[in-house]
C-alpha cells in the first residue's frame, strides 16, 4: 500500500487522499486529490470501507485505486512516499493502522 508523509498532520504518515468539493462525486474528488498530491492519474476502483467519525460526523470512504504512472511528492502537502508491506503499516500509522490493514484485506 502506498503511504504518504504529510507535511501538515500531527501523525504524518497516512493514506494519500483528501476532501471532496461540494459539487464533486467522491470518486472524482479522490481522483483529483491524488493527481494533485502524487502527480499521476489514477483508476478509482470499488469502495473498500466506509467509516463515520462519531464526534465530527465526517464520513470517510476508502477506495481501491490503481496509479497510472510513477507517483511523486508534490513538495507542499506530501514530502515523502513509501510502499509499505502489511507488517510495516502498524509502525508507520499507529492507531490508524487497523483501518488501513482492513482495507488491505478487502482487496
PDB file of N, CA and C in Angstrom:
ATOM      1  N   UNK A   1       0.858  -1.172   0.000  1.00  0.00           N
ATOM      2  CA  UNK A   1       0.000   0.000   0.000  1.00  0.00           C
ATOM      3  C   UNK A   1       0.903   1.233   0.000  1.00  0.00           C
ATOM      4  N   UNK A   2       0.489   2.249  -0.749  1.00  0.00           N
ATOM      5  CA  UNK A   2       1.267   3.479  -0.813  1.00  0.00           C
ATOM      6  C   UNK A   2       0.867   4.386   0.349  1.00  0.00           C
ATOM      7  N   UNK A   3       1.857   4.749   1.158  1.00  0.00           N
ATOM      8  CA  UNK A   3       1.647   5.687   2.246  1.00  0.00           C
ATOM      9  C   UNK A   3       2.347   6.998   1.902  1.00  0.00           C
ATOM     10  N   UNK A   4       1.757   8.084   2.343  1.00  0.00           N
ATOM     11  CA  UNK A   4       2.306   9.414   2.081  1.00  0.00           C
ATOM     12  C   UNK A   4       2.695  10.063   3.407  1.00  0.00           C
ATOM     13  N   UNK A   5       3.792  10.801   3.389  1.00  0.00           N
ATOM     14  CA  UNK A   5       4.231  11.568   4.555  1.00  0.00           C
ATOM     15  C   UNK A   5       3.698  12.991   4.363  1.00  0.00           C
ATOM     16  N   UNK A   6       2.677  13.328   5.165  1.00  0.00           N
ATOM     17  CA  UNK A   6       2.002  14.624   5.045  1.00  0.00           C
ATOM     18  C   UNK A   6       2.730  15.690   5.867  1.00  0.00           C
ATOM     19  N   UNK A   7       2.836  16.865   5.307  1.00  0.00           N
ATOM     20  CA  UNK A   7       3.552  17.957   5.971  1.00  0.00           C
ATOM     21  C   UNK A   7       2.716  18.650   7.037  1.00  0.00           C
ATOM     22  N   UNK A   8       1.425  18.429   7.069  1.00  0.00           N
ATOM     23  CA  UNK A   8       0.530  19.211   7.923  1.00  0.00           C
ATOM     24  C   UNK A   8      -0.162  18.399   9.015  1.00  0.00           C
ATOM     25  N   UNK A   9       0.126  17.132   9.140  1.00  0.00           N
ATOM     26  CA  UNK A   9      -0.561  16.288  10.123  1.00  0.00           C
ATOM     27  C   UNK A   9       0.311  16.048  11.353  1.00  0.00           C
ATOM     28  N   UNK A  10      -0.351  15.903  12.510  1.00  0.00           N
ATOM     29  CA  UNK A  10       0.366  15.568  13.739  1.00  0.00           C
ATOM     30  C   UNK A  10       1.010  14.187  13.611  1.00  0.00           C
ATOM     31  N   UNK A  11       0.277  13.226  13.056  1.00  0.00           N
ATOM     32  CA  UNK A  11       0.829  11.907  12.741  1.00  0.00           C
ATOM     33  C   UNK A  11       1.036  11.912  11.225  1.00  0.00           C
ATOM     34  N   UNK A  12       2.267  12.131  10.753  1.00  0.00           N
ATOM     35  CA  UNK A  12       2.484  12.449   9.342  1.00  0.00           C
ATOM     36  C   UNK A  12       2.200  11.351   8.325  1.00  0.00           C
ATOM     37  N   UNK A  13       2.424  10.070   8.660  1.00  0.00           N
ATOM     38  CA  UNK A  13       2.215   9.020   7.662  1.00  0.00           C
ATOM     39  C   UNK A  13       0.737   8.662   7.582  1.00  0.00           C
ATOM     40  N   UNK A  14       0.251   8.515   6.361  1.00  0.00           N
ATOM     41  CA  UNK A  14      -1.138   8.117   6.155  1.00  0.00           C
ATOM     42  C   UNK A  14      -1.397   7.824   4.694  1.00  0.00           C
ATOM     43  N   UNK A  15      -2.613   7.464   4.410  1.00  0.00           N
ATOM     44  CA  UNK A  15      -3.003   7.223   3.026  1.00  0.00           C
ATOM     45  C   UNK A  15      -3.150   8.558   2.307  1.00  0.00           C
ATOM     46  N   UNK A  16      -2.753   8.627   1.036  1.00  0.00           N
ATOM     47  CA  UNK A  16      -2.999   9.852   0.290  1.00  0.00           C
ATOM     48  C   UNK A  16      -4.498  10.006   0.036  1.00  0.00           C
ATOM     49  N   UNK A  17      -4.946  11.232  -0.074  1.00  0.00           N
ATOM     50  CA  UNK A  17      -6.361  11.495  -0.314  1.00  0.00           C
ATOM     51  C   UNK A  17      -6.712  12.901   0.109  1.00  0.00           C
ATOM     52  N   UNK A  18      -7.984  13.132   0.324  1.00  0.00           N
ATOM     53  CA  UNK A  18      -8.394  14.473   0.730  1.00  0.00           C
ATOM     54  C   UNK A  18      -9.896  14.622   0.739  1.00  0.00           C
ATOM     55  N   UNK A  19     -10.332  15.852   0.743  1.00  0.00           N
ATOM     56  CA  UNK A  19     -11.751  16.181   0.823  1.00  0.00           C
ATOM     57  C   UNK A  19     -12.336  16.453  -0.558  1.00  0.00           C
ATOM     58  N   UNK A  20     -13.605  16.130  -0.716  1.00  0.00           N
ATOM     59  CA  UNK A  20     -14.297  16.424  -1.971  1.00  0.00           C
ATOM     60  C   UNK A  20     -14.838  17.846  -1.923  1.00  0.00           C
ATOM     61  N   UNK A  21     -14.953  18.444  -3.080  1.00  0.00           N
ATOM     62  CA  UNK A  21     -15.615  19.744  -3.198  1.00  0.00           C
ATOM     63  C   UNK A  21     -17.127  19.532  -3.158  1.00  0.00           C
ATOM     64  N   UNK A  22     -17.872  20.589  -2.935  1.00  0.00           N
ATOM     65  CA  UNK A  22     -19.330  20.497  -2.809  1.00  0.00           C
ATOM     66  C   UNK A  22     -20.005  19.828  -3.996  1.00  0.00           C
ATOM     67  N   UNK A  23     -19.549  20.094  -5.191  1.00  0.00           N
ATOM     68  CA  UNK A  23     -20.214  19.575  -6.382  1.00  0.00           C
ATOM     69  C   UNK A  23     -19.586  18.292  -6.922  1.00  0.00           C
ATOM     70  N   UNK A  24     -18.619  17.708  -6.205  1.00  0.00           N
ATOM     71  CA  UNK A  24     -17.907  16.528  -6.689  1.00  0.00           C
ATOM     72  C   UNK A  24     -18.494  15.236  -6.146  1.00  0.00           C
ATOM     73  N   UNK A  25     -18.469  14.217  -6.977  1.00  0.00           N
ATOM     74  CA  UNK A  25     -18.742  12.868  -6.521  1.00  0.00           C
ATOM     75  C   UNK A  25     -17.475  12.365  -5.815  1.00  0.00           C
ATOM     76  N   UNK A  26     -17.606  11.494  -4.823  1.00  0.00           N
ATOM     77  CA  UNK A  26     -16.428  11.049  -4.062  1.00  0.00           C
ATOM     78  C   UNK A  26     -15.297  10.474  -4.914  1.00  0.00           C
ATOM     79  N   UNK A  27     -15.619   9.648  -5.907  1.00  0.00           N
ATOM     80  CA  UNK A  27     -14.552   9.055  -6.716  1.00  0.00           C
ATOM     81  C   UNK A  27     -13.828  10.103  -7.554  1.00  0.00           C
ATOM     82  N   UNK A  28     -14.553  11.097  -8.031  1.00  0.00           N
ATOM     83  CA  UNK A  28     -13.924  12.177  -8.809  1.00  0.00           C
ATOM     84  C   UNK A  28     -13.054  13.042  -7.911  1.00  0.00           C
ATOM     85  N   UNK A  29     -13.510  13.290  -6.685  1.00  0.00           N
ATOM     86  CA  UNK A  29     -12.717  14.062  -5.739  1.00  0.00           C
ATOM     87  C   UNK A  29     -11.426  13.354  -5.375  1.00  0.00           C
ATOM     88  N   UNK A  30     -11.505  12.047  -5.169  1.00  0.00           N
ATOM     89  CA  UNK A  30     -10.302  11.275  -4.864  1.00  0.00           C
ATOM     90  C   UNK A  30      -9.334  11.310  -6.036  1.00  0.00           C
ATOM     91  N   UNK A  31      -9.849  11.149  -7.231  1.00  0.00           N
ATOM     92  CA  UNK A  31      -9.002  11.199  -8.419  1.00  0.00           C
ATOM     93  C   UNK A  31      -8.280  12.550  -8.509  1.00  0.00           C
ATOM     94  N   UNK A  32      -9.002  13.624  -8.268  1.00  0.00           N
ATOM     95  CA  UNK A  32      -8.410  14.965  -8.302  1.00  0.00           C
ATOM     96  C   UNK A  32      -7.350  15.112  -7.209  1.00  0.00           C
ATOM     97  N   UNK A  33      -7.675  14.699  -5.994  1.00  0.00           N
ATOM     98  CA  UNK A  33      -6.737  14.816  -4.876  1.00  0.00           C
ATOM     99  C   UNK A  33      -5.454  14.025  -5.139  1.00  0.00           C
ATOM    100  N   UNK A  34      -5.572  12.809  -5.649  1.00  0.00           N
ATOM    101  CA  UNK A  34      -4.388  12.007  -5.919  1.00  0.00           C
ATOM    102  C   UNK A  34      -3.556  12.595  -7.047  1.00  0.00           C
ATOM    103  N   UNK A  35      -4.212  13.153  -8.040  1.00  0.00           N
ATOM    104  CA  UNK A  35      -3.490  13.803  -9.138  1.00  0.00           C
ATOM    105  C   UNK A  35      -2.716  15.017  -8.596  1.00  0.00           C
ATOM    106  N   UNK A  36      -3.351  15.799  -7.708  1.00  0.00           N
ATOM    107  CA  UNK A  36      -2.687  16.962  -7.120  1.00  0.00           C
ATOM    108  C   UNK A  36      -1.522  16.557  -6.217  1.00  0.00           C
ATOM    109  N   UNK A  37      -1.736  15.558  -5.365  1.00  0.00           N
ATOM    110  CA  UNK A  37      -0.738  15.182  -4.368  1.00  0.00           C
ATOM    111  C   UNK A  37       0.382  14.315  -4.924  1.00  0.00           C
ATOM    112  N   UNK A  38       0.054  13.450  -5.888  1.00  0.00           N
ATOM    113  CA  UNK A  38       1.026  12.464  -6.374  1.00  0.00           C
ATOM    114  C   UNK A  38       1.484  12.696  -7.806  1.00  0.00           C
ATOM    115  N   UNK A  39       0.823  13.612  -8.515  1.00  0.00           N
ATOM    116  CA  UNK A  39       1.226  13.926  -9.876  1.00  0.00           C
ATOM    117  C   UNK A  39       0.944  12.840 -10.899  1.00  0.00           C
ATOM    118  N   UNK A  40      -0.012  11.947 -10.613  1.00  0.00           N
ATOM    119  CA  UNK A  40      -0.354  10.885 -11.556  1.00  0.00           C
ATOM    120  C   UNK A  40      -1.867  10.752 -11.668  1.00  0.00           C
ATOM    121  N   UNK A  41      -2.300  10.271 -12.814  1.00  0.00           N
ATOM    122  CA  UNK A  41      -3.698   9.895 -12.960  1.00  0.00           C
ATOM    123  C   UNK A  41      -3.897   8.553 -12.278  1.00  0.00           C
ATOM    124  N   UNK A  42      -5.129   8.288 -11.887  1.00  0.00           N
ATOM    125  CA  UNK A  42      -5.441   7.042 -11.193  1.00  0.00           C
ATOM    126  C   UNK A  42      -6.727   6.453 -11.745  1.00  0.00           C
ATOM    127  N   UNK A  43      -6.848   5.167 -11.580  1.00  0.00           N
ATOM    128  CA  UNK A  43      -8.098   4.469 -11.883  1.00  0.00           C
ATOM    129  C   UNK A  43      -8.714   4.144 -10.529  1.00  0.00           C
ATOM    130  N   UNK A  44      -9.886   4.709 -10.267  1.00  0.00           N
ATOM    131  CA  UNK A  44     -10.561   4.505  -8.995  1.00  0.00           C
ATOM    132  C   UNK A  44     -11.430   3.260  -9.106  1.00  0.00           C
ATOM    133  N   UNK A  45     -11.242   2.353  -8.163  1.00  0.00           N
ATOM    134  CA  UNK A  45     -11.996   1.102  -8.136  1.00  0.00           C
ATOM    135  C   UNK A  45     -13.133   1.162  -7.128  1.00  0.00           C
ATOM    136  N   UNK A  46     -13.381   0.043  -6.497  1.00  0.00           N
ATOM    137  CA  UNK A  46     -14.517  -0.080  -5.592  1.00  0.00           C
ATOM    138  C   UNK A  46     -14.208   0.501  -4.209  1.00  0.00           C
ATOM    139  N   UNK A  47     -15.270   0.833  -3.491  1.00  0.00           N
ATOM    140  CA  UNK A  47     -15.143   1.264  -2.105  1.00  0.00           C
ATOM    141  C   UNK A  47     -14.802   0.034  -1.263  1.00  0.00           C
ATOM    142  N   UNK A  48     -13.742   0.139  -0.464  1.00  0.00           N
ATOM    143  CA  UNK A  48     -13.312  -0.961   0.388  1.00  0.00           C
ATOM    144  C   UNK A  48     -13.897  -0.862   1.788  1.00  0.00           C
ATOM    145  N   UNK A  49     -14.113   0.364   2.243  1.00  0.00           N
ATOM    146  CA  UNK A  49     -14.555   0.575   3.615  1.00  0.00           C
ATOM    147  C   UNK A  49     -15.144   1.973   3.725  1.00  0.00           C
ATOM    148  N   UNK A  50     -16.154   2.124   4.566  1.00  0.00           N
ATOM    149  CA  UNK A  50     -16.715   3.432   4.887  1.00  0.00           C
ATOM    150  C   UNK A  50     -16.741   3.556   6.404  1.00  0.00           C
ATOM    151  N   UNK A  51     -16.273   4.698   6.907  1.00  0.00           N
ATOM    152  CA  UNK A  51     -16.251   4.950   8.343  1.00  0.00           C
ATOM    153  C   UNK A  51     -16.841   6.320   8.633  1.00  0.00           C
ATOM    154  N   UNK A  52     -17.646   6.401   9.685  1.00  0.00           N
ATOM    155  CA  UNK A  52     -18.184   7.681  10.119  1.00  0.00           C
ATOM    156  C   UNK A  52     -17.606   7.997  11.497  1.00  0.00           C
ATOM    157  N   UNK A  53     -17.013   9.159  11.629  1.00  0.00           N
ATOM    158  CA  UNK A  53     -16.466   9.592  12.906  1.00  0.00           C
ATOM    159  C   UNK A  53     -17.629  10.022  13.799  1.00  0.00           C
ATOM    160  N   UNK A  54     -17.799   9.401  14.958  1.00  0.00           N
ATOM    161  CA  UNK A  54     -18.946   9.722  15.812  1.00  0.00           C
ATOM    162  C   UNK A  54     -18.890  11.136  16.395  1.00  0.00           C
ATOM    163  N   UNK A  55     -17.720  11.711  16.481  1.00  0.00           N
ATOM    164  CA  UNK A  55     -17.586  13.057  17.034  1.00  0.00           C
ATOM    165  C   UNK A  55     -17.858  14.135  15.998  1.00  0.00           C
ATOM    166  N   UNK A  56     -17.198  14.016  14.836  1.00  0.00           N
ATOM    167  CA  UNK A  56     -17.320  15.052  13.799  1.00  0.00           C
ATOM    168  C   UNK A  56     -18.410  14.747  12.779  1.00  0.00           C
ATOM    169  N   UNK A  57     -18.893  13.510  12.767  1.00  0.00           N
ATOM    170  CA  UNK A  57     -19.880  13.028  11.792  1.00  0.00           C
ATOM    171  C   UNK A  57     -19.325  13.029  10.372  1.00  0.00           C
ATOM    172  N   UNK A  58     -18.011  13.082  10.242  1.00  0.00           N
ATOM    173  CA  UNK A  58     -17.365  13.034   8.931  1.00  0.00           C
ATOM    174  C   UNK A  58     -17.370  11.604   8.418  1.00  0.00           C
ATOM    175  N   UNK A  59     -17.761  11.429   7.166  1.00  0.00           N
ATOM    176  CA  UNK A  59     -17.754  10.127   6.515  1.00  0.00           C
ATOM    177  C   UNK A  59     -16.481  10.010   5.686  1.00  0.00           C
ATOM    178  N   UNK A  60     -15.719   8.954   5.921  1.00  0.00           N
ATOM    179  CA  UNK A  60     -14.504   8.691   5.156  1.00  0.00           C
ATOM    180  C   UNK A  60     -14.709   7.427   4.345  1.00  0.00           C
ATOM    181  N   UNK A  61     -14.452   7.526   3.043  1.00  0.00           N
ATOM    182  CA  UNK A  61     -14.549   6.387   2.134  1.00  0.00           C
ATOM    183  C   UNK A  61     -13.139   5.976   1.726  1.00  0.00           C
ATOM    184  N   UNK A  62     -12.881   4.690   1.774  1.00  0.00           N
ATOM    185  CA  UNK A  62     -11.596   4.135   1.367  1.00  0.00           C
ATOM    186  C   UNK A  62     -11.824   3.336   0.091  1.00  0.00           C
ATOM    187  N   UNK A  63     -11.102   3.715  -0.971  1.00  0.00           N
ATOM    188  CA  UNK A  63     -11.246   3.081  -2.280  1.00  0.00           C
ATOM    189  C   UNK A  63      -9.998   2.295  -2.634  1.00  0.00           C
ATOM    190  N   UNK A  64     -10.195   1.303  -3.481  1.00  0.00           N
ATOM    191  CA  UNK A  64      -9.059   0.687  -4.167  1.00  0.00           C
ATOM    192  C   UNK A  64      -8.741   1.614  -5.335  1.00  0.00           C
ATOM    193  N   UNK A  65      -7.478   1.966  -5.498  1.00  0.00           N
ATOM    194  CA  UNK A  65      -7.080   2.859  -6.581  1.00  0.00           C
ATOM    195  C   UNK A  65      -5.798   2.321  -7.206  1.00  0.00           C
ATOM    196  N   UNK A  66      -5.716   2.415  -8.514  1.00  0.00           N
ATOM    197  CA  UNK A  66      -4.539   1.976  -9.257  1.00  0.00           C
ATOM    198  C   UNK A  66      -3.870   3.199  -9.854  1.00  0.00           C
ATOM    199  N   UNK A  67      -2.599   3.388  -9.529  1.00  0.00           N
ATOM    200  CA  UNK A  67      -1.848   4.512 -10.083  1.00  0.00           C
ATOM    201  C   UNK A  67      -1.507   4.227 -11.539  1.00  0.00           C
ATOM    202  N   UNK A  68      -1.647   5.223 -12.386  1.00  0.00           N
ATOM    203  CA  UNK A  68      -1.354   5.074 -13.812  1.00  0.00           C
ATOM    204  C   UNK A  68      -0.060   5.794 -14.172  1.00  0.00           C
ATOM    205  N   UNK A  69       0.920   5.646 -13.322  1.00  0.00           N
ATOM    206  CA  UNK A  69       2.222   6.271 -13.510  1.00  0.00           C
ATOM    207  C   UNK A  69       3.008   6.185 -12.224  1.00  0.00           C
ATOM    208  N   UNK A  70       4.184   6.774 -12.230  1.00  0.00           N
ATOM    209  CA  UNK A  70       5.042   6.756 -11.048  1.00  0.00           C
ATOM    210  C   UNK A  70       4.702   7.962 -10.179  1.00  0.00           C
ATOM    211  N   UNK A  71       4.311   7.734  -8.908  1.00  0.00           N
ATOM    212  CA  UNK A  71       3.956   8.857  -8.044  1.00  0.00           C
ATOM    213  C   UNK A  71       5.181   9.655  -7.622  1.00  0.00           C
ATOM    214  N   UNK A  72       4.947  10.929  -7.328  1.00  0.00           N
ATOM    215  CA  UNK A  72       6.000  11.794  -6.810  1.00  0.00           C
ATOM    216  C   UNK A  72       5.377  12.728  -5.771  1.00  0.00           C
ATOM    217  N   UNK A  73       6.176  13.158  -4.831  1.00  0.00           N
ATOM    218  CA  UNK A  73       5.707  14.086  -3.812  1.00  0.00           C
ATOM    219  C   UNK A  73       5.437  15.442  -4.450  1.00  0.00           C
ATOM    220  N   UNK A  74       4.376  16.115  -3.982  1.00  0.00           N
ATOM    221  CA  UNK A  74       4.111  17.456  -4.503  1.00  0.00           C
ATOM    222  C   UNK A  74       4.979  18.507  -3.823  1.00  0.00           C
ATOM    223  N   UNK A  75       5.632  18.164  -2.694  1.00  0.00           N
ATOM    224  CA  UNK A  75       6.506  19.101  -2.002  1.00  0.00           C
ATOM    225  C   UNK A  75       5.767  20.145  -1.189  1.00  0.00           C
ATOM    226  N   UNK A  76       4.452  20.113  -1.216  1.00  0.00           N
ATOM    227  CA  UNK A  76       3.648  21.060  -0.444  1.00  0.00           C
ATOM    228  C   UNK A  76       2.906  20.306   0.654  1.00  0.00           C
ATOM    229  N   UNK A  77       2.011  19.433   0.265  1.00  0.00           N
ATOM    230  CA  UNK A  77       1.261  18.623   1.230  1.00  0.00           C
ATOM    231  C   UNK A  77       1.970  17.304   1.535  1.00  0.00           C
ATOM    232  N   UNK A  78       2.680  16.785   0.552  1.00  0.00           N
ATOM    233  CA  UNK A  78       3.339  15.482   0.656  1.00  0.00           C
ATOM    234  C   UNK A  78       4.834  15.680   0.428  1.00  0.00           C
ATOM    235  N   UNK A  79       5.649  15.216   1.402  1.00  0.00           N
ATOM    236  CA  UNK A  79       7.102  15.334   1.228  1.00  0.00           C
ATOM    237  C   UNK A  79       7.817  13.988   1.300  1.00  0.00           C
ATOM    238  N   UNK A  80       7.053  12.896   1.242  1.00  0.00           N
ATOM    239  CA  UNK A  80       7.650  11.570   1.211  1.00  0.00           C
ATOM    240  C   UNK A  80       6.617  10.524   0.847  1.00  0.00           C
ATOM    241  N   UNK A  81       7.049   9.469   0.180  1.00  0.00           N
ATOM    242  CA  UNK A  81       6.191   8.352  -0.202  1.00  0.00           C
ATOM    243  C   UNK A  81       6.886   7.056   0.172  1.00  0.00           C
ATOM    244  N   UNK A  82       6.083   6.053   0.529  1.00  0.00           N
ATOM    245  CA  UNK A  82       6.661   4.752   0.886  1.00  0.00           C
ATOM    246  C   UNK A  82       5.650   3.661   0.566  1.00  0.00           C
ATOM    247  N   UNK A  83       6.076   2.672  -0.230  1.00  0.00           N
ATOM    248  CA  UNK A  83       5.248   1.496  -0.459  1.00  0.00           C
ATOM    249  C   UNK A  83       5.474   0.560   0.722  1.00  0.00           C
ATOM    250  N   UNK A  84       4.449   0.384   1.544  1.00  0.00           N
ATOM    251  CA  UNK A  84       4.570  -0.361   2.797  1.00  0.00           C
ATOM    252  C   UNK A  84       3.996  -1.762   2.675  1.00  0.00           C
ATOM    253  N   UNK A  85       4.726  -2.707   3.208  1.00  0.00           N
ATOM    254  CA  UNK A  85       4.226  -4.070   3.362  1.00  0.00           C
ATOM    255  C   UNK A  85       3.302  -4.090   4.582  1.00  0.00           C
ATOM    256  N   UNK A  86       2.387  -5.058   4.655  1.00  0.00           N
ATOM    257  CA  UNK A  86       1.463  -5.101   5.794  1.00  0.00           C
ATOM    258  C   UNK A  86       2.152  -5.029   7.160  1.00  0.00           C
ATOM    259  N   UNK A  87       3.307  -5.658   7.298  1.00  0.00           N
ATOM    260  CA  UNK A  87       3.986  -5.654   8.598  1.00  0.00           C
ATOM    261  C   UNK A  87       4.583  -4.292   8.962  1.00  0.00           C
ATOM    262  N   UNK A  88       4.708  -3.377   8.014  1.00  0.00           N
ATOM    263  CA  UNK A  88       5.223  -2.032   8.284  1.00  0.00           C
ATOM    264  C   UNK A  88       4.135  -1.039   8.659  1.00  0.00           C
ATOM    265  N   UNK A  89       2.902  -1.348   8.309  1.00  0.00           N
ATOM    266  CA  UNK A  89       1.806  -0.396   8.447  1.00  0.00           C
ATOM    267  C   UNK A  89       1.607   0.041   9.897  1.00  0.00           C
ATOM    268  N   UNK A  90       1.627  -0.881  10.832  1.00  0.00           N
ATOM    269  CA  UNK A  90       1.402  -0.530  12.240  1.00  0.00           C
ATOM    270  C   UNK A  90       2.444   0.445  12.758  1.00  0.00           C
ATOM    271  N   UNK A  91       3.694   0.223  12.409  1.00  0.00           N
ATOM    272  CA  UNK A  91       4.755   1.108  12.882  1.00  0.00           C
ATOM    273  C   UNK A  91       4.615   2.516  12.318  1.00  0.00           C
ATOM    274  N   UNK A  92       4.169   2.640  11.088  1.00  0.00           N
ATOM    275  CA  UNK A  92       4.064   3.955  10.458  1.00  0.00           C
ATOM    276  C   UNK A  92       2.753   4.680  10.782  1.00  0.00           C
ATOM    277  N   UNK A  93       1.669   3.935  10.941  1.00  0.00           N
ATOM    278  CA  UNK A  93       0.364   4.575  11.104  1.00  0.00           C
ATOM    279  C   UNK A  93      -0.161   4.598  12.535  1.00  0.00           C
ATOM    280  N   UNK A  94       0.429   3.838  13.413  1.00  0.00           N
ATOM    281  CA  UNK A  94      -0.039   3.840  14.799  1.00  0.00           C
ATOM    282  C   UNK A  94      -1.497   3.437  14.898  1.00  0.00           C
ATOM    283  N   UNK A  95      -2.316   4.264  15.559  1.00  0.00           N
ATOM    284  CA  UNK A  95      -3.728   3.966  15.786  1.00  0.00           C
ATOM    285  C   UNK A  95      -4.533   3.835  14.492  1.00  0.00           C
ATOM    286  N   UNK A  96      -4.070   4.456  13.423  1.00  0.00           N
ATOM    287  CA  UNK A  96      -4.783   4.405  12.149  1.00  0.00           C
ATOM    288  C   UNK A  96      -4.489   3.132  11.358  1.00  0.00           C
ATOM    289  N   UNK A  97      -3.606   2.299  11.860  1.00  0.00           N
ATOM    290  CA  UNK A  97      -3.184   1.100  11.122  1.00  0.00           C
ATOM    291  C   UNK A  97      -4.315   0.107  10.927  1.00  0.00           C
ATOM    292  N   UNK A  98      -5.193  -0.039  11.889  1.00  0.00           N
ATOM    293  CA  UNK A  98      -6.254  -1.036  11.793  1.00  0.00           C
ATOM    294  C   UNK A  98      -7.126  -0.788  10.569  1.00  0.00           C
ATOM    295  N   UNK A  99      -7.507   0.443  10.335  1.00  0.00           N
ATOM    296  CA  UNK A  99      -8.326   0.760   9.163  1.00  0.00           C
ATOM    297  C   UNK A  99      -7.588   0.420   7.879  1.00  0.00           C
ATOM    298  N   UNK A 100      -6.325   0.780   7.808  1.00  0.00           N
ATOM    299  CA  UNK A 100      -5.528   0.501   6.610  1.00  0.00           C
ATOM    300  C   UNK A 100      -5.401  -0.991   6.381  1.00  0.00           C
ATOM    301  N   UNK A 101      -5.129  -1.738   7.443  1.00  0.00           N
ATOM    302  CA  UNK A 101      -4.993  -3.195   7.320  1.00  0.00           C
ATOM    303  C   UNK A 101      -6.317  -3.846   6.915  1.00  0.00           C
ATOM    304  N   UNK A 102      -7.426  -3.336   7.411  1.00  0.00           N
ATOM    305  CA  UNK A 102      -8.733  -3.851   6.993  1.00  0.00           C
ATOM    306  C   UNK A 102      -8.958  -3.619   5.510  1.00  0.00           C
ATOM    307  N   UNK A 103      -8.546  -2.468   5.013  1.00  0.00           N
ATOM    308  CA  UNK A 103      -8.671  -2.188   3.574  1.00  0.00           C
ATOM    309  C   UNK A 103      -7.778  -3.112   2.763  1.00  0.00           C
ATOM    310  N   UNK A 104      -6.576  -3.375   3.248  1.00  0.00           N
ATOM    311  CA  UNK A 104      -5.653  -4.260   2.537  1.00  0.00           C
ATOM    312  C   UNK A 104      -6.229  -5.684   2.464  1.00  0.00           C
ATOM    313  N   UNK A 105      -6.917  -6.114   3.494  1.00  0.00           N
ATOM    314  CA  UNK A 105      -7.519  -7.457   3.494  1.00  0.00           C
ATOM    315  C   UNK A 105      -8.702  -7.514   2.541  1.00  0.00           C
ATOM    316  N   UNK A 106      -9.369  -6.391   2.308  1.00  0.00           N
ATOM    317  CA  UNK A 106     -10.552  -6.363   1.459  1.00  0.00           C
ATOM    318  C   UNK A 106     -10.193  -6.428  -0.021  1.00  0.00           C
ATOM    319  N   UNK A 107      -8.938  -6.182  -0.350  1.00  0.00           N
ATOM    320  CA  UNK A 107      -8.527  -6.158  -1.757  1.00  0.00           C
ATOM    321  C   UNK A 107      -8.487  -7.543  -2.331  1.00  0.00           C
TER     322      UNK A 107
END
